[in-house]
């Protein structure tokens, strides 16, 4: 076998050097790819870990937010319920404060004057002391002369029917009603009744009405008695008082 020439040996040496260089480059490239692959895996793993942690934190925050919203909704429901109850209470209080209240004041009274054809009579005054009109106002009234003071077991005769007035009385408006005694008395009895020590004129009855809030019917019961005295000029002045019973209302 012929020996290689120097030039052939140099060419072979160069080929070996190039091959080693290529192999070393491939080795470096493989190592770089391995390192890059590892770094990519680590980054992906860290990202997944952070994502899981962030998701858990976000879930906790969301649950906390839901709990807070639930508490807020419950609190608002309590406020709404309290507001509703207060509104109903205030409405009831307002109705009680503002509704009509019909009172029956003493008014005046007439005494019997035969020459003028006047009988004993009482003239109580209905007055709406409330702040809104009284509606469908009706009343019944009766008058009589009884001994004074009345016996403990005395019972006033029942007033048979209401007189249908059936209209409204505005706040602070007054309306006079009349109770006339049916009996006629002799002069001495007239003087005795007017003096009021042993006999007096009585008037009693009831008033019914509604208010503008669709409340009622309300009722005011009344009973008054009267006596008379003369002033220095000879004029007769009737005086009246509430009796001890039958003065109440709703």
C-alpha atoms as a PDB file:
ATOM      1  CA  UNK A   1       0.000   0.000   0.000  1.00  0.00           C
ATOM      2  CA  UNK A   2       1.476   3.337  -1.001  1.00  0.00           C
ATOM      3  CA  UNK A   3       2.258   5.782   1.746  1.00  0.00           C
ATOM      4  CA  UNK A   4       0.245   9.005   1.977  1.00  0.00           C
ATOM      5  CA  UNK A   5       1.912  12.065   0.813  1.00  0.00           C
ATOM      6  CA  UNK A   6       2.411  15.044   3.048  1.00  0.00           C
ATOM      7  CA  UNK A   7      -0.392  16.907   1.313  1.00  0.00           C
ATOM      8  CA  UNK A   8      -2.814  14.057   1.827  1.00  0.00           C
ATOM      9  CA  UNK A   9      -1.860  13.877   5.466  1.00  0.00           C
ATOM     10  CA  UNK A  10      -2.507  17.618   5.844  1.00  0.00           C
ATOM     11  CA  UNK A  11      -5.917  17.240   4.182  1.00  0.00           C
ATOM     12  CA  UNK A  12      -6.831  14.379   6.476  1.00  0.00           C
ATOM     13  CA  UNK A  13      -5.756  16.417   9.486  1.00  0.00           C
ATOM     14  CA  UNK A  14      -7.901  19.335   8.384  1.00  0.00           C
ATOM     15  CA  UNK A  15     -10.905  17.046   7.889  1.00  0.00           C
ATOM     16  CA  UNK A  16     -10.484  15.652  11.410  1.00  0.00           C
ATOM     17  CA  UNK A  17     -10.199  19.176  12.839  1.00  0.00           C
ATOM     18  CA  UNK A  18     -13.343  20.305  11.033  1.00  0.00           C
ATOM     19  CA  UNK A  19     -15.210  17.207  12.238  1.00  0.00           C
ATOM     20  CA  UNK A  20     -14.177  17.806  15.848  1.00  0.00           C
ATOM     21  CA  UNK A  21     -15.221  21.429  15.535  1.00  0.00           C
ATOM     22  CA  UNK A  22     -18.599  20.410  14.112  1.00  0.00           C
ATOM     23  CA  UNK A  23     -19.061  17.820  16.861  1.00  0.00           C
ATOM     24  CA  UNK A  24     -18.146  20.397  19.535  1.00  0.00           C
ATOM     25  CA  UNK A  25     -20.595  22.894  17.993  1.00  0.00           C
ATOM     26  CA  UNK A  26     -23.329  20.290  18.002  1.00  0.00           C
ATOM     27  CA  UNK A  27     -22.512  19.502  21.626  1.00  0.00           C
ATOM     28  CA  UNK A  28     -22.767  23.198  22.562  1.00  0.00           C
ATOM     29  CA  UNK A  29     -26.015  23.540  20.629  1.00  0.00           C
ATOM     30  CA  UNK A  30     -27.464  20.465  22.343  1.00  0.00           C
ATOM     31  CA  UNK A  31     -26.402  21.800  25.733  1.00  0.00           C
ATOM     32  CA  UNK A  32     -27.902  25.201  24.940  1.00  0.00           C
ATOM     33  CA  UNK A  33     -31.145  23.559  23.838  1.00  0.00           C
ATOM     34  CA  UNK A  34     -31.196  21.512  27.023  1.00  0.00           C
ATOM     35  CA  UNK A  35     -30.650  24.605  29.151  1.00  0.00           C
ATOM     36  CA  UNK A  36     -33.335  26.522  27.217  1.00  0.00           C
ATOM     37  CA  UNK A  37     -35.749  23.605  27.584  1.00  0.00           C
ATOM     38  CA  UNK A  38     -35.106  23.467  31.336  1.00  0.00           C
ATOM     39  CA  UNK A  39     -35.562  27.211  31.720  1.00  0.00           C
ATOM     40  CA  UNK A  40     -38.783  27.059  29.692  1.00  0.00           C
ATOM     41  CA  UNK A  41     -40.088  24.216  31.851  1.00  0.00           C
ATOM     42  CA  UNK A  42     -39.145  26.047  35.056  1.00  0.00           C
ATOM     43  CA  UNK A  43     -40.786  29.253  33.848  1.00  0.00           C
ATOM     44  CA  UNK A  44     -43.926  27.358  32.893  1.00  0.00           C
ATOM     45  CA  UNK A  45     -44.000  25.575  36.248  1.00  0.00           C
ATOM     46  CA  UNK A  46     -43.510  28.839  38.147  1.00  0.00           C
ATOM     47  CA  UNK A  47     -46.210  30.486  36.076  1.00  0.00           C
ATOM     48  CA  UNK A  48     -48.599  27.625  36.761  1.00  0.00           C
ATOM     49  CA  UNK A  49     -47.790  27.823  40.474  1.00  0.00           C
ATOM     50  CA  UNK A  50     -48.396  31.570  40.525  1.00  0.00           C
ATOM     51  CA  UNK A  51     -51.588  31.083  38.561  1.00  0.00           C
ATOM     52  CA  UNK A  52     -52.844  28.545  41.086  1.00  0.00           C
ATOM     53  CA  UNK A  53     -51.898  30.798  43.983  1.00  0.00           C
ATOM     54  CA  UNK A  54     -53.488  33.789  42.269  1.00  0.00           C
ATOM     55  CA  UNK A  55     -56.598  31.772  41.572  1.00  0.00           C
ATOM     56  CA  UNK A  56     -56.851  30.677  45.193  1.00  0.00           C
ATOM     57  CA  UNK A  57     -56.316  34.264  46.355  1.00  0.00           C
ATOM     58  CA  UNK A  58     -58.848  35.535  43.847  1.00  0.00           C
ATOM     59  CA  UNK A  59     -61.313  32.875  45.000  1.00  0.00           C
ATOM     60  CA  UNK A  60     -60.796  33.887  48.638  1.00  0.00           C
ATOM     61  CA  UNK A  61     -61.267  37.548  47.754  1.00  0.00           C
ATOM     62  CA  UNK A  62     -64.382  36.720  45.750  1.00  0.00           C
ATOM     63  CA  UNK A  63     -65.817  34.714  48.653  1.00  0.00           C
ATOM     64  CA  UNK A  64     -65.035  37.558  51.033  1.00  0.00           C
ATOM     65  CA  UNK A  65     -66.717  39.959  48.650  1.00  0.00           C
ATOM     66  CA  UNK A  66     -69.768  37.703  48.448  1.00  0.00           C
ATOM     67  CA  UNK A  67     -69.928  37.463  52.245  1.00  0.00           C
ATOM     68  CA  UNK A  68     -69.685  41.244  52.549  1.00  0.00           C
ATOM     69  CA  UNK A  69     -72.376  41.720  49.920  1.00  0.00           C
ATOM     70  CA  UNK A  70     -74.607  39.277  51.807  1.00  0.00           C
ATOM     71  CA  UNK A  71     -74.079  41.143  55.068  1.00  0.00           C
ATOM     72  CA  UNK A  72     -74.751  44.465  53.330  1.00  0.00           C
ATOM     73  CA  UNK A  73     -77.918  43.111  51.727  1.00  0.00           C
ATOM     74  CA  UNK A  74     -79.117  41.793  55.104  1.00  0.00           C
ATOM     75  CA  UNK A  75     -78.372  45.145  56.715  1.00  0.00           C
ATOM     76  CA  UNK A  76     -80.217  47.002  53.966  1.00  0.00           C
ATOM     77  CA  UNK A  77     -83.145  44.612  54.367  1.00  0.00           C
ATOM     78  CA  UNK A  78     -83.227  45.424  58.086  1.00  0.00           C
ATOM     79  CA  UNK A  79     -83.098  49.138  57.276  1.00  0.00           C
ATOM     80  CA  UNK A  80     -85.879  48.759  54.704  1.00  0.00           C
ATOM     81  CA  UNK A  81     -88.008  46.789  57.185  1.00  0.00           C
ATOM     82  CA  UNK A  82     -87.411  49.379  59.908  1.00  0.00           C
ATOM     83  CA  UNK A  83     -88.199  52.180  57.463  1.00  0.00           C
ATOM     84  CA  UNK A  84     -91.423  50.446  56.442  1.00  0.00           C
ATOM     85  CA  UNK A  85     -92.429  49.883  60.063  1.00  0.00           C
ATOM     86  CA  UNK A  86     -91.551  53.467  60.975  1.00  0.00           C
ATOM     87  CA  UNK A  87     -93.519  54.764  57.999  1.00  0.00           C
ATOM     88  CA  UNK A  88     -96.560  52.747  59.074  1.00  0.00           C
ATOM     89  CA  UNK A  89     -96.146  53.932  62.653  1.00  0.00           C
ATOM     90  CA  UNK A  90     -95.697  57.541  61.581  1.00  0.00           C
ATOM     91  CA  UNK A  91     -98.733  57.278  59.345  1.00  0.00           C
ATOM     92  CA  UNK A  92    -100.788  55.949  62.250  1.00  0.00           C
ATOM     93  CA  UNK A  93     -99.458  58.680  64.550  1.00  0.00           C
ATOM     94  CA  UNK A  94    -100.100  61.321  61.891  1.00  0.00           C
ATOM     95  CA  UNK A  95    -103.669  60.107  61.435  1.00  0.00           C
ATOM     96  CA  UNK A  96    -104.256  60.288  65.176  1.00  0.00           C
ATOM     97  CA  UNK A  97    -102.763  63.772  65.358  1.00  0.00           C
ATOM     98  CA  UNK A  98    -104.414  65.140  62.242  1.00  0.00           C
ATOM     99  CA  UNK A  99    -107.827  63.462  62.216  1.00  0.00           C
ATOM    100  CA  UNK A 100    -111.063  65.176  63.161  1.00  0.00           C
ATOM    101  CA  UNK A 101    -112.152  65.274  66.805  1.00  0.00           C
ATOM    102  CA  UNK A 102    -115.703  66.485  67.382  1.00  0.00           C
ATOM    103  CA  UNK A 103    -116.275  67.814  70.886  1.00  0.00           C
ATOM    104  CA  UNK A 104    -119.577  68.944  72.385  1.00  0.00           C
ATOM    105  CA  UNK A 105    -119.224  72.207  74.283  1.00  0.00           C
ATOM    106  CA  UNK A 106    -121.645  73.545  76.897  1.00  0.00           C
ATOM    107  CA  UNK A 107    -123.088  76.222  74.626  1.00  0.00           C
ATOM    108  CA  UNK A 108    -126.059  78.069  76.077  1.00  0.00           C
ATOM    109  CA  UNK A 109    -129.560  77.418  77.324  1.00  0.00           C
ATOM    110  CA  UNK A 110    -133.022  79.008  77.196  1.00  0.00           C
ATOM    111  CA  UNK A 111    -135.518  79.161  80.034  1.00  0.00           C
ATOM    112  CA  UNK A 112    -139.273  78.855  79.854  1.00  0.00           C
ATOM    113  CA  UNK A 113    -141.158  82.049  78.990  1.00  0.00           C
ATOM    114  CA  UNK A 114    -144.832  81.270  78.605  1.00  0.00           C
ATOM    115  CA  UNK A 115    -145.748  84.626  77.105  1.00  0.00           C
ATOM    116  CA  UNK A 116    -143.207  84.067  74.322  1.00  0.00           C
ATOM    117  CA  UNK A 117    -143.970  80.400  73.839  1.00  0.00           C
ATOM    118  CA  UNK A 118    -140.408  79.419  74.790  1.00  0.00           C
ATOM    119  CA  UNK A 119    -139.659  76.177  76.601  1.00  0.00           C
ATOM    120  CA  UNK A 120    -136.593  75.119  78.553  1.00  0.00           C
ATOM    121  CA  UNK A 121    -133.987  74.183  75.994  1.00  0.00           C
ATOM    122  CA  UNK A 122    -130.241  73.523  75.786  1.00  0.00           C
ATOM    123  CA  UNK A 123    -128.052  74.526  72.857  1.00  0.00           C
ATOM    124  CA  UNK A 124    -124.780  72.527  72.962  1.00  0.00           C
ATOM    125  CA  UNK A 125    -122.149  73.418  70.393  1.00  0.00           C
ATOM    126  CA  UNK A 126    -120.393  70.837  68.232  1.00  0.00           C
ATOM    127  CA  UNK A 127    -116.814  71.816  67.445  1.00  0.00           C
ATOM    128  CA  UNK A 128    -114.223  70.052  65.331  1.00  0.00           C
ATOM    129  CA  UNK A 129    -111.083  70.449  67.422  1.00  0.00           C
ATOM    130  CA  UNK A 130    -108.974  68.379  64.993  1.00  0.00           C
ATOM    131  CA  UNK A 131    -106.914  69.499  62.010  1.00  0.00           C
ATOM    132  CA  UNK A 132    -108.935  67.919  59.198  1.00  0.00           C
ATOM    133  CA  UNK A 133    -112.656  67.892  58.359  1.00  0.00           C
ATOM    134  CA  UNK A 134    -115.136  65.641  60.114  1.00  0.00           C
ATOM    135  CA  UNK A 135    -117.363  63.861  57.591  1.00  0.00           C
ATOM    136  CA  UNK A 136    -120.886  62.425  57.733  1.00  0.00           C
ATOM    137  CA  UNK A 137    -121.641  64.130  61.029  1.00  0.00           C
ATOM    138  CA  UNK A 138    -124.904  62.952  62.648  1.00  0.00           C
ATOM    139  CA  UNK A 139    -126.239  63.504  66.150  1.00  0.00           C
ATOM    140  CA  UNK A 140    -129.017  62.656  68.560  1.00  0.00           C
ATOM    141  CA  UNK A 141    -129.985  64.922  71.428  1.00  0.00           C
ATOM    142  CA  UNK A 142    -132.610  65.016  74.191  1.00  0.00           C
ATOM    143  CA  UNK A 143    -133.367  67.428  77.028  1.00  0.00           C
ATOM    144  CA  UNK A 144    -135.249  67.068  80.288  1.00  0.00           C
ATOM    145  CA  UNK A 145    -135.618  68.531  83.762  1.00  0.00           C
ATOM    146  CA  UNK A 146    -134.606  66.275  86.677  1.00  0.00           C
ATOM    147  CA  UNK A 147    -133.931  66.665  90.369  1.00  0.00           C
ATOM    148  CA  UNK A 148    -130.442  67.761  91.300  1.00  0.00           C
ATOM    149  CA  UNK A 149    -128.259  66.139  92.290  1.00  0.00           C
ATOM    150  CA  UNK A 150    -129.410  63.032  90.459  1.00  0.00           C
ATOM    151  CA  UNK A 151    -130.010  59.824  92.411  1.00  0.00           C
ATOM    152  CA  UNK A 152    -127.144  57.329  92.222  1.00  0.00           C
ATOM    153  CA  UNK A 153    -129.287  54.824  90.316  1.00  0.00           C
ATOM    154  CA  UNK A 154    -130.641  57.344  87.804  1.00  0.00           C
ATOM    155  CA  UNK A 155    -130.601  56.244  84.161  1.00  0.00           C
ATOM    156  CA  UNK A 156    -131.042  58.767  81.370  1.00  0.00           C
ATOM    157  CA  UNK A 157    -133.729  57.879  78.838  1.00  0.00           C
ATOM    158  CA  UNK A 158    -132.275  56.586  75.608  1.00  0.00           C
ATOM    159  CA  UNK A 159    -132.305  58.971  72.678  1.00  0.00           C
ATOM    160  CA  UNK A 160    -134.323  57.088  70.041  1.00  0.00           C
ATOM    161  CA  UNK A 161    -132.704  58.044  66.716  1.00  0.00           C
ATOM    162  CA  UNK A 162    -129.919  60.087  65.222  1.00  0.00           C
ATOM    163  CA  UNK A 163    -130.846  63.261  63.427  1.00  0.00           C
ATOM    164  CA  UNK A 164    -129.316  62.942  59.989  1.00  0.00           C
ATOM    165  CA  UNK A 165    -127.114  65.931  59.428  1.00  0.00           C
ATOM    166  CA  UNK A 166    -124.706  63.886  57.287  1.00  0.00           C
ATOM    167  CA  UNK A 167    -122.315  66.653  56.279  1.00  0.00           C
ATOM    168  CA  UNK A 168    -118.837  67.919  57.121  1.00  0.00           C
ATOM    169  CA  UNK A 169    -117.515  70.174  59.855  1.00  0.00           C
ATOM    170  CA  UNK A 170    -114.264  71.923  59.017  1.00  0.00           C
ATOM    171  CA  UNK A 171    -111.461  72.288  61.581  1.00  0.00           C
ATOM    172  CA  UNK A 172    -112.427  74.815  64.296  1.00  0.00           C
ATOM    173  CA  UNK A 173    -115.884  75.126  62.780  1.00  0.00           C
ATOM    174  CA  UNK A 174    -118.844  75.007  65.196  1.00  0.00           C
ATOM    175  CA  UNK A 175    -122.408  73.855  64.840  1.00  0.00           C
ATOM    176  CA  UNK A 176    -125.224  74.440  67.348  1.00  0.00           C
ATOM    177  CA  UNK A 177    -127.667  71.653  68.147  1.00  0.00           C
ATOM    178  CA  UNK A 178    -130.871  71.987  70.181  1.00  0.00           C
ATOM    179  CA  UNK A 179    -132.447  69.877  72.884  1.00  0.00           C
ATOM    180  CA  UNK A 180    -135.929  71.092  73.831  1.00  0.00           C
ATOM    181  CA  UNK A 181    -137.855  69.945  76.884  1.00  0.00           C
ATOM    182  CA  UNK A 182    -141.359  68.715  76.089  1.00  0.00           C
ATOM    183  CA  UNK A 183    -142.889  69.565  79.477  1.00  0.00           C
ATOM    184  CA  UNK A 184    -144.449  72.882  80.506  1.00  0.00           C
ATOM    185  CA  UNK A 185    -143.846  74.030  84.114  1.00  0.00           C
ATOM    186  CA  UNK A 186    -145.707  76.407  86.396  1.00  0.00           C
ATOM    187  CA  UNK A 187    -143.991  79.635  87.411  1.00  0.00           C
ATOM    188  CA  UNK A 188    -142.768  78.376  90.783  1.00  0.00           C
ATOM    189  CA  UNK A 189    -141.207  75.309  89.120  1.00  0.00           C
ATOM    190  CA  UNK A 190    -139.580  77.556  86.512  1.00  0.00           C
ATOM    191  CA  UNK A 191    -137.926  79.587  89.278  1.00  0.00           C
ATOM    192  CA  UNK A 192    -136.798  76.398  91.042  1.00  0.00           C
ATOM    193  CA  UNK A 193    -135.293  74.988  87.836  1.00  0.00           C
ATOM    194  CA  UNK A 194    -133.533  78.239  87.002  1.00  0.00           C
ATOM    195  CA  UNK A 195    -132.040  78.459  90.485  1.00  0.00           C
ATOM    196  CA  UNK A 196    -130.690  74.937  90.060  1.00  0.00           C
ATOM    197  CA  UNK A 197    -130.440  73.898  93.681  1.00  0.00           C
ATOM    198  CA  UNK A 198    -133.019  71.101  93.583  1.00  0.00           C
ATOM    199  CA  UNK A 199    -133.837  70.737  89.900  1.00  0.00           C
ATOM    200  CA  UNK A 200    -131.886  71.425  86.735  1.00  0.00           C
ATOM    201  CA  UNK A 201    -132.122  71.303  82.965  1.00  0.00           C
ATOM    202  CA  UNK A 202    -130.169  68.379  81.489  1.00  0.00           C
ATOM    203  CA  UNK A 203    -129.210  67.671  77.883  1.00  0.00           C
ATOM    204  CA  UNK A 204    -127.598  64.463  76.634  1.00  0.00           C
ATOM    205  CA  UNK A 205    -126.936  62.542  73.435  1.00  0.00           C
ATOM    206  CA  UNK A 206    -124.229  61.495  71.023  1.00  0.00           C
ATOM    207  CA  UNK A 207    -122.472  62.593  67.837  1.00  0.00           C
ATOM    208  CA  UNK A 208    -121.064  60.244  65.199  1.00  0.00           C
ATOM    209  CA  UNK A 209    -118.672  61.154  62.389  1.00  0.00           C
ATOM    210  CA  UNK A 210    -115.919  59.868  60.118  1.00  0.00           C
ATOM    211  CA  UNK A 211    -112.523  61.334  59.269  1.00  0.00           C
ATOM    212  CA  UNK A 212    -110.862  61.960  55.910  1.00  0.00           C
ATOM    213  CA  UNK A 213    -108.543  58.961  56.424  1.00  0.00           C
ATOM    214  CA  UNK A 214    -111.533  56.615  56.147  1.00  0.00           C
ATOM    215  CA  UNK A 215    -111.433  56.148  59.904  1.00  0.00           C
ATOM    216  CA  UNK A 216    -114.509  55.770  62.047  1.00  0.00           C
ATOM    217  CA  UNK A 217    -117.257  56.002  62.651  1.00  0.00           C
ATOM    218  CA  UNK A 218    -116.138  57.890  65.749  1.00  0.00           C
ATOM    219  CA  UNK A 219    -118.569  58.786  68.498  1.00  0.00           C
ATOM    220  CA  UNK A 220    -118.711  61.503  71.148  1.00  0.00           C
ATOM    221  CA  UNK A 221    -121.169  61.109  74.018  1.00  0.00           C
ATOM    222  CA  UNK A 222    -122.208  64.137  76.045  1.00  0.00           C
ATOM    223  CA  UNK A 223    -124.308  65.123  79.049  1.00  0.00           C
ATOM    224  CA  UNK A 224    -124.580  68.659  80.473  1.00  0.00           C
ATOM    225  CA  UNK A 225    -126.682  70.365  83.099  1.00  0.00           C
ATOM    226  CA  UNK A 226    -127.632  74.060  83.397  1.00  0.00           C
ATOM    227  CA  UNK A 227    -128.750  76.648  85.905  1.00  0.00           C
ATOM    228  CA  UNK A 228    -129.411  80.388  85.605  1.00  0.00           C
ATOM    229  CA  UNK A 229    -128.686  83.517  87.561  1.00  0.00           C
ATOM    230  CA  UNK A 230    -129.555  87.178  87.162  1.00  0.00           C
ATOM    231  CA  UNK A 231    -127.011  89.961  86.902  1.00  0.00           C
ATOM    232  CA  UNK A 232    -127.374  93.437  88.369  1.00  0.00           C
ATOM    233  CA  UNK A 233    -129.126  94.664  85.252  1.00  0.00           C
ATOM    234  CA  UNK A 234    -131.752  91.943  85.618  1.00  0.00           C
ATOM    235  CA  UNK A 235    -130.497  89.895  82.691  1.00  0.00           C
ATOM    236  CA  UNK A 236    -130.594  86.127  82.896  1.00  0.00           C
ATOM    237  CA  UNK A 237    -127.287  84.331  82.250  1.00  0.00           C
ATOM    238  CA  UNK A 238    -127.341  80.536  81.716  1.00  0.00           C
ATOM    239  CA  UNK A 239    -124.441  78.554  83.172  1.00  0.00           C
ATOM    240  CA  UNK A 240    -123.642  74.954  82.371  1.00  0.00           C
ATOM    241  CA  UNK A 241    -121.344  72.125  83.438  1.00  0.00           C
ATOM    242  CA  UNK A 242    -120.393  68.665  82.272  1.00  0.00           C
ATOM    243  CA  UNK A 243    -122.225  65.945  84.104  1.00  0.00           C
ATOM    244  CA  UNK A 244    -120.240  63.195  85.809  1.00  0.00           C
ATOM    245  CA  UNK A 245    -121.294  60.495  83.319  1.00  0.00           C
ATOM    246  CA  UNK A 246    -121.852  60.083  79.569  1.00  0.00           C
ATOM    247  CA  UNK A 247    -119.000  62.403  78.592  1.00  0.00           C
ATOM    248  CA  UNK A 248    -116.601  60.287  76.590  1.00  0.00           C
ATOM    249  CA  UNK A 249    -115.632  59.596  73.009  1.00  0.00           C
ATOM    250  CA  UNK A 250    -113.579  57.594  70.561  1.00  0.00           C
END
